Amino acid sequence: MRAIWGVLALTLTVSSLPAHPASSELAQAARSFLSSLTDEQRAKTVFALNDPERENWHYVPKTRAGLTLKEMTAPQREKAMALVRVGLSEKGHARVETIMSLEAVLYEIEGAATRDAGLYTFAVFGDPDAKGIWSWRFEGHHLSVNFTLVGDTHLSTTPSFFGANPAEVRTGSRKGLRALAEEEDQGREMLASFDGEQRKVAVLEIAVPRDIVTGNKREISLEKPEGLPVSRMTSAQSGRLLDLLKLYLLKYRTDIATADLAKIQASGWQQVHFAWVGSDRRGEPHYYRIQGPTFMVEYDNIQNGANHIHTVWRDAKGDFGRDLLREHYAREHRGAPASTTENRSGEKAN
């Protein structure tokens, strides 16, 4: 583990420079996108930074505030997706495209008008400025990508939701496609690595939850972690858990992901827990989570005969950049604005 974190610390030096390399690139991509819009389109896309809509996130098929891909011209769509490419890694962007493409699969199965990749929506909060405070969201069925940038040195990427329905395409020309195969397979391999005593601690004897436990809450609090802590794992198991965690963080560009991994290390890697609920057999409902002092990753495959995956990465203090904004306003303005935390959804995940 020392070697693993040593490499991470070395990589982190890139993102510890006075100006975060992502800030200017994201601001430039956002300005390019917004400049391509008509006044009417821009009015639908841009919100005030303190608008409660910024924290009104969802992962179900529904009408969202913002501008849909369907409402854009082809050049505008290219500029919009360029913003996503700047913020994500190559692998993360590929996951986004695959998840969106599953809407066509669902349309073939169901014929519902809501199954439409054109309904993914962009929203920008505040004025994109490499040295200012602003935010943007790209969201639709089974995707919620949220960026908050505070100055040119800090940014947040949570809540981060990626899902897949179907988890495995079982008919048609795309038969065999598994959009989130690694998240499922490596989670199961993590469980299989435990001996009998470890497994007794890691596997929780409770009913499989109906969905991710945190749902689409605007703010979460972390209860006492359950499951097996890293402190009771072998070095190989600890490394395996780190690889599993990286699947979630490395959907984002490397300089962002390494900073987030370093933050998790600083909060206490030995205190990170892995918990499993449900069956260890493919095709049967199961759930796992990775929880540390500051964060939680959840994965479930429960709906539609265990062929429907939800995954989410949450930061208890840093979702929507709350910790960064609080620090900024305390330093610059001697007082932080109140945060909107109410969850008004109550909608069933789908």
Protein backbone atom coordinates (compact mmCIF):
# COMPACT_ATOMS: atom_id res chain seq x y z
CA MET A 1 0.00 0.00 0.00
CA ARG A 2 2.90 2.40 0.64
CA ALA A 3 4.02 1.87 -2.93
CA ILE A 4 0.49 2.45 -4.24
CA TRP A 5 0.03 5.68 -2.33
CA GLY A 6 3.59 6.75 -3.15
CA VAL A 7 2.80 6.66 -6.86
CA LEU A 8 -0.44 8.50 -6.16
CA ALA A 9 1.36 11.25 -4.26
CA LEU A 10 3.82 11.67 -7.13
CA THR A 11 0.98 11.93 -9.64
CA LEU A 12 -0.82 14.40 -7.40
CA THR A 13 1.94 16.98 -7.82
CA VAL A 14 0.48 17.75 -11.25
CA SER A 15 -2.86 18.81 -9.73
CA SER A 16 -1.28 20.62 -6.77
CA LEU A 17 -0.05 23.51 -8.86
CA PRO A 18 -1.44 26.97 -7.98
CA ALA A 19 -3.94 26.78 -10.84
CA HIS A 20 -5.86 23.56 -11.39
CA PRO A 21 -5.33 22.51 -15.02
CA ALA A 22 -8.98 21.56 -15.41
CA SER A 23 -10.35 24.98 -14.44
CA SER A 24 -9.39 26.95 -17.52
CA GLU A 25 -10.17 24.06 -19.89
CA LEU A 26 -13.64 23.55 -18.44
CA ALA A 27 -14.40 27.27 -18.45
CA GLN A 28 -13.25 27.59 -22.06
CA ALA A 29 -15.35 24.59 -23.16
CA ALA A 30 -18.41 25.92 -21.31
CA ARG A 31 -18.05 29.40 -22.82
CA SER A 32 -17.67 27.89 -26.29
CA PHE A 33 -20.87 25.90 -25.80
CA LEU A 34 -22.85 28.84 -24.42
CA SER A 35 -21.67 31.17 -27.17
CA SER A 36 -23.15 28.81 -29.75
CA LEU A 37 -26.65 29.09 -28.28
CA THR A 38 -29.43 31.45 -29.25
CA ASP A 39 -30.74 33.86 -26.62
CA GLU A 40 -33.74 31.61 -26.06
CA GLN A 41 -31.59 28.51 -25.65
CA ARG A 42 -29.22 30.31 -23.32
CA ALA A 43 -32.12 31.42 -21.14
CA LYS A 44 -33.10 27.76 -20.70
CA THR A 45 -29.52 26.66 -19.99
CA VAL A 46 -28.08 29.24 -17.59
CA PHE A 47 -29.18 29.62 -13.95
CA ALA A 48 -27.91 31.69 -11.04
CA LEU A 49 -25.25 29.94 -8.99
CA ASN A 50 -27.47 30.00 -5.90
CA ASP A 51 -30.55 28.67 -7.71
CA PRO A 52 -31.93 25.65 -5.76
CA GLU A 53 -32.09 23.82 -9.09
CA ARG A 54 -28.32 23.28 -8.85
CA GLU A 55 -28.85 20.63 -6.18
CA ASN A 56 -32.04 19.21 -7.69
CA TRP A 57 -30.41 16.11 -9.15
CA HIS A 58 -32.05 12.88 -10.36
CA TYR A 59 -31.24 9.67 -12.19
CA VAL A 60 -34.72 8.66 -13.35
CA PRO A 61 -36.26 9.39 -16.78
CA LYS A 62 -38.04 12.72 -16.26
CA THR A 63 -38.26 16.26 -17.57
CA ARG A 64 -35.29 18.28 -16.36
CA ALA A 65 -34.48 21.96 -16.17
CA GLY A 66 -31.95 22.95 -18.79
CA LEU A 67 -31.40 22.43 -22.51
CA THR A 68 -31.76 18.94 -23.97
CA LEU A 69 -29.52 17.54 -26.68
CA LYS A 70 -32.65 17.21 -28.83
CA GLU A 71 -33.13 21.00 -28.72
CA MET A 72 -29.61 21.64 -30.06
CA THR A 73 -28.21 21.72 -33.55
CA ALA A 74 -25.50 19.20 -34.43
CA PRO A 75 -22.66 21.76 -33.90
CA GLN A 76 -24.18 22.78 -30.56
CA ARG A 77 -24.38 19.15 -29.45
CA GLU A 78 -20.72 18.71 -30.35
CA LYS A 79 -19.75 21.69 -28.21
CA ALA A 80 -21.92 20.45 -25.34
CA MET A 81 -20.37 16.99 -25.39
CA ALA A 82 -16.91 18.56 -25.67
CA LEU A 83 -17.50 19.96 -22.18
CA VAL A 84 -18.18 16.42 -20.94
CA ARG A 85 -15.02 15.14 -22.63
CA VAL A 86 -12.92 17.82 -20.93
CA GLY A 87 -14.17 16.85 -17.47
CA LEU A 88 -14.08 13.08 -17.85
CA SER A 89 -11.39 10.57 -18.66
CA GLU A 90 -11.46 8.76 -21.99
CA LYS A 91 -12.91 5.74 -20.22
CA GLY A 92 -15.47 7.86 -18.38
CA HIS A 93 -16.62 9.50 -21.59
CA ALA A 94 -16.98 6.07 -23.21
CA ARG A 95 -19.17 4.99 -20.28
CA VAL A 96 -21.36 8.05 -20.77
CA GLU A 97 -21.86 7.29 -24.45
CA THR A 98 -22.62 3.63 -23.76
CA ILE A 99 -25.14 4.43 -21.03
CA MET A 100 -26.89 6.94 -23.27
CA SER A 101 -26.99 4.41 -26.10
CA LEU A 102 -28.96 2.01 -23.90
CA GLU A 103 -31.97 4.30 -24.32
CA ALA A 104 -32.30 2.94 -27.86
CA VAL A 105 -32.23 -0.60 -26.47
CA LEU A 106 -34.96 0.26 -23.98
CA TYR A 107 -37.02 1.90 -26.72
CA GLU A 108 -36.87 -1.32 -28.74
CA ILE A 109 -38.07 -3.25 -25.67
CA GLU A 110 -40.71 -0.82 -24.37
CA GLY A 111 -41.51 1.68 -27.12
CA ALA A 112 -41.79 4.47 -24.51
CA ALA A 113 -41.14 8.03 -25.71
CA THR A 114 -39.11 8.75 -22.57
CA ARG A 115 -36.46 6.29 -23.77
CA ASP A 116 -34.63 8.86 -25.88
CA ALA A 117 -30.95 9.79 -25.76
CA GLY A 118 -31.93 13.25 -27.00
CA LEU A 119 -33.44 14.00 -23.59
CA TYR A 120 -30.10 14.26 -21.77
CA THR A 121 -29.86 17.81 -20.47
CA PHE A 122 -27.22 20.49 -19.84
CA ALA A 123 -27.46 23.25 -17.25
CA VAL A 124 -24.88 25.87 -16.26
CA PHE A 125 -24.98 27.74 -12.96
CA GLY A 126 -23.21 31.06 -12.73
CA ASP A 127 -20.71 32.47 -15.22
CA PRO A 128 -18.00 30.08 -16.51
CA ASP A 129 -14.78 31.73 -15.44
CA ALA A 130 -11.46 29.99 -14.80
CA LYS A 131 -11.00 32.08 -11.65
CA GLY A 132 -14.64 32.44 -10.61
CA ILE A 133 -17.28 30.26 -8.96
CA TRP A 134 -19.60 28.35 -11.25
CA SER A 135 -21.11 24.93 -11.83
CA TRP A 136 -22.47 22.74 -14.59
CA ARG A 137 -24.54 19.57 -14.85
CA PHE A 138 -25.09 16.97 -17.54
CA GLU A 139 -27.96 14.67 -16.61
CA GLY A 140 -30.51 12.20 -17.87
CA HIS A 141 -31.65 8.64 -17.30
CA HIS A 142 -28.91 6.85 -15.35
CA LEU A 143 -26.45 9.75 -15.58
CA SER A 144 -25.77 12.70 -13.33
CA VAL A 145 -22.46 14.51 -13.81
CA ASN A 146 -22.07 17.52 -11.50
CA PHE A 147 -19.08 19.88 -11.52
CA THR A 148 -18.58 22.80 -9.14
CA LEU A 149 -15.52 25.02 -9.59
CA VAL A 150 -14.32 27.45 -6.94
CA GLY A 151 -11.61 29.72 -8.26
CA ASP A 152 -8.85 28.18 -10.34
CA THR A 153 -7.61 25.75 -7.69
CA HIS A 154 -10.58 23.71 -6.41
CA LEU A 155 -13.39 21.69 -7.91
CA SER A 156 -15.96 19.07 -6.93
CA THR A 157 -17.47 16.27 -9.05
CA THR A 158 -20.08 14.78 -6.73
CA PRO A 159 -22.80 13.58 -6.66
CA SER A 160 -21.66 11.27 -9.46
CA PHE A 161 -24.20 8.75 -10.76
CA PHE A 162 -23.74 6.14 -13.50
CA GLY A 163 -26.29 3.39 -14.14
CA ALA A 164 -27.15 0.78 -16.75
CA ASN A 165 -30.48 -0.67 -17.85
CA PRO A 166 -30.22 -3.32 -19.03
CA ALA A 167 -27.00 -4.15 -17.21
CA GLU A 168 -26.50 -6.84 -19.84
CA VAL A 169 -28.18 -6.61 -23.23
CA ARG A 170 -29.62 -10.07 -23.82
CA THR A 171 -31.25 -9.73 -27.23
CA GLY A 172 -30.76 -7.93 -30.52
CA SER A 173 -27.71 -6.65 -32.34
CA ARG A 174 -26.01 -5.48 -29.13
CA LYS A 175 -26.47 -8.75 -27.27
CA GLY A 176 -23.76 -9.27 -24.64
CA LEU A 177 -23.05 -5.56 -24.03
CA ARG A 178 -22.42 -4.80 -20.34
CA ALA A 179 -22.00 -1.08 -19.72
CA LEU A 180 -20.79 -1.42 -16.11
CA ALA A 181 -19.26 -4.89 -16.23
CA GLU A 182 -16.13 -4.00 -14.22
CA GLU A 183 -18.11 -2.48 -11.36
CA GLU A 184 -20.10 -5.71 -11.08
CA ASP A 185 -17.32 -8.23 -11.66
CA GLN A 186 -14.65 -6.59 -9.52
CA GLY A 187 -17.13 -6.14 -6.66
CA ARG A 188 -17.87 -9.85 -6.75
CA GLU A 189 -14.15 -10.65 -6.97
CA MET A 190 -13.58 -8.48 -3.91
CA LEU A 191 -16.07 -10.56 -1.96
CA ALA A 192 -14.57 -13.82 -3.23
CA SER A 193 -11.12 -12.82 -1.93
CA PHE A 194 -12.26 -12.94 1.72
CA ASP A 195 -11.74 -15.96 3.95
CA GLY A 196 -14.56 -17.34 6.08
CA GLU A 197 -14.03 -15.00 9.04
CA GLN A 198 -13.65 -11.92 6.88
CA ARG A 199 -16.77 -12.83 4.93
CA LYS A 200 -18.81 -13.01 8.14
CA VAL A 201 -17.96 -9.36 8.75
CA ALA A 202 -18.21 -8.14 5.16
CA VAL A 203 -21.58 -9.69 4.33
CA LEU A 204 -24.46 -7.96 6.10
CA GLU A 205 -27.35 -10.20 7.09
CA ILE A 206 -30.04 -7.76 6.05
CA ALA A 207 -32.55 -7.57 3.22
CA VAL A 208 -31.23 -6.32 -0.10
CA PRO A 209 -32.23 -2.64 -0.39
CA ARG A 210 -34.65 -1.68 -3.16
CA ASP A 211 -32.18 0.87 -4.52
CA ILE A 212 -29.05 2.75 -3.50
CA VAL A 213 -29.59 3.75 0.11
CA THR A 214 -28.73 7.43 -0.37
CA GLY A 215 -31.18 7.81 -3.27
CA ASN A 216 -31.09 11.27 -4.82
CA LYS A 217 -30.82 13.13 -1.52
CA ARG A 218 -29.27 16.54 -1.88
CA GLU A 219 -27.10 15.99 1.18
CA ILE A 220 -26.06 12.83 3.00
CA SER A 221 -24.70 12.06 6.44
CA LEU A 222 -22.51 9.05 7.02
CA GLU A 223 -23.63 6.60 9.67
CA LYS A 224 -21.20 4.25 11.40
CA PRO A 225 -19.65 2.16 8.60
CA GLU A 226 -20.54 -1.51 8.35
CA GLY A 227 -18.65 -4.36 6.75
CA LEU A 228 -14.96 -5.25 6.68
CA PRO A 229 -12.42 -2.45 7.27
CA VAL A 230 -9.18 -2.19 5.33
CA SER A 231 -7.36 -2.65 8.64
CA ARG A 232 -8.58 -6.29 8.63
CA MET A 233 -7.66 -6.97 4.99
CA THR A 234 -4.46 -8.35 3.56
CA SER A 235 -2.26 -6.09 1.47
CA ALA A 236 -3.54 -7.79 -1.69
CA GLN A 237 -7.17 -7.29 -0.64
CA SER A 238 -6.52 -3.65 0.21
CA GLY A 239 -5.01 -3.15 -3.24
CA ARG A 240 -7.99 -4.89 -4.81
CA LEU A 241 -10.36 -2.55 -2.97
CA LEU A 242 -8.35 0.44 -4.17
CA ASP A 243 -8.69 -0.80 -7.75
CA LEU A 244 -12.45 -1.13 -7.27
CA LEU A 245 -12.69 2.41 -5.88
CA LYS A 246 -10.68 3.74 -8.80
CA LEU A 247 -13.37 2.51 -11.20
CA TYR A 248 -15.62 5.22 -9.79
CA LEU A 249 -13.11 8.05 -9.43
CA LEU A 250 -11.21 7.48 -12.66
CA LYS A 251 -14.28 8.17 -14.74
CA TYR A 252 -12.98 11.71 -14.31
CA ARG A 253 -9.76 13.09 -15.75
CA THR A 254 -6.61 11.91 -14.01
CA ASP A 255 -5.66 15.17 -12.33
CA ILE A 256 -9.11 15.38 -10.74
CA ALA A 257 -9.23 11.71 -9.74
CA THR A 258 -5.79 11.68 -8.13
CA ALA A 259 -6.70 14.68 -5.99
CA ASP A 260 -9.87 12.92 -4.83
CA LEU A 261 -7.93 9.73 -4.06
CA ALA A 262 -5.42 11.71 -2.02
CA LYS A 263 -8.30 13.27 -0.07
CA ILE A 264 -9.60 9.79 0.74
CA GLN A 265 -6.13 8.69 1.85
CA ALA A 266 -5.78 11.71 4.10
CA SER A 267 -9.09 10.92 5.81
CA GLY A 268 -7.84 7.43 6.75
CA TRP A 269 -7.56 4.55 4.27
CA GLN A 270 -7.44 1.98 7.07
CA GLN A 271 -10.91 3.13 8.13
CA VAL A 272 -12.49 2.45 4.74
CA HIS A 273 -15.04 -0.42 4.85
CA PHE A 274 -16.41 -2.81 2.23
CA ALA A 275 -19.90 -4.24 2.79
CA TRP A 276 -21.92 -6.69 0.69
CA VAL A 277 -25.63 -7.54 0.81
CA GLY A 278 -27.43 -10.29 -1.11
CA SER A 279 -26.30 -13.07 -3.40
CA ASP A 280 -22.79 -13.59 -4.77
CA ARG A 281 -24.19 -15.28 -7.89
CA ARG A 282 -24.65 -13.48 -11.18
CA GLY A 283 -28.27 -12.90 -12.04
CA GLU A 284 -29.39 -12.61 -8.41
CA PRO A 285 -30.00 -9.35 -6.48
CA HIS A 286 -26.95 -7.91 -4.76
CA TYR A 287 -25.55 -4.66 -3.40
CA TYR A 288 -22.23 -3.39 -2.11
CA ARG A 289 -20.80 -0.18 -0.77
CA ILE A 290 -17.39 1.29 -0.03
CA GLN A 291 -17.48 3.77 2.83
CA GLY A 292 -14.82 5.89 4.46
CA PRO A 293 -14.84 8.79 6.91
CA THR A 294 -15.70 11.29 4.15
CA PHE A 295 -17.26 9.40 1.25
CA MET A 296 -19.54 6.59 0.14
CA VAL A 297 -19.72 4.58 -3.07
CA GLU A 298 -22.85 2.49 -3.61
CA TYR A 299 -23.60 -0.16 -6.21
CA ASP A 300 -26.78 -2.18 -6.63
CA ASN A 301 -28.09 -4.66 -9.17
CA ILE A 302 -31.60 -5.49 -8.00
CA GLN A 303 -34.33 -4.38 -10.40
CA ASN A 304 -35.49 -6.21 -13.53
CA GLY A 305 -34.31 -9.61 -12.37
CA ALA A 306 -30.93 -8.26 -11.24
CA ASN A 307 -30.22 -6.80 -14.67
CA HIS A 308 -30.34 -3.08 -13.80
CA ILE A 309 -27.36 -1.37 -12.17
CA HIS A 310 -27.20 1.85 -10.17
CA THR A 311 -23.89 3.29 -8.92
CA VAL A 312 -23.21 6.52 -7.06
CA TRP A 313 -20.24 8.26 -5.47
CA ARG A 314 -21.03 10.79 -2.74
CA ASP A 315 -18.91 13.13 -0.61
CA ALA A 316 -20.62 13.79 2.72
CA LYS A 317 -19.22 17.30 3.08
CA GLY A 318 -18.23 18.08 -0.49
CA ASP A 319 -21.25 17.25 -2.66
CA PHE A 320 -22.01 20.22 -4.95
CA GLY A 321 -18.76 21.76 -3.69
CA ARG A 322 -20.26 22.64 -0.31
CA ASP A 323 -16.97 22.32 1.56
CA LEU A 324 -15.15 24.41 -1.05
CA LEU A 325 -17.83 27.09 -1.12
CA ARG A 326 -17.99 27.21 2.68
CA GLU A 327 -14.23 27.65 2.87
CA HIS A 328 -14.23 30.30 0.14
CA TYR A 329 -16.98 32.43 1.69
CA ALA A 330 -15.49 32.11 5.15
CA ARG A 331 -12.16 33.32 3.82
CA GLU A 332 -13.32 35.95 1.33
CA HIS A 333 -16.66 37.14 2.66
CA ARG A 334 -16.67 36.12 6.33
CA GLY A 335 -19.79 34.00 6.04
CA ALA A 336 -21.02 31.12 3.92
CA PRO A 337 -24.43 31.06 2.22
CA ALA A 338 -26.97 28.53 3.43
CA SER A 339 -27.16 25.32 1.42
CA THR A 340 -30.37 23.92 0.00
CA THR A 341 -30.54 20.32 1.21
CA GLU A 342 -34.19 19.41 0.99
CA ASN A 343 -34.96 16.38 -1.19
CA ARG A 344 -38.23 17.12 -2.95
CA SER A 345 -38.16 14.23 -5.37
CA GLY A 346 -39.83 11.24 -3.76
CA GLU A 347 -39.73 9.67 -7.22
CA LYS A 348 -39.14 5.99 -7.85
CA ALA A 349 -35.82 5.15 -9.45
CA ASN A 350 -36.16 3.55 -12.83
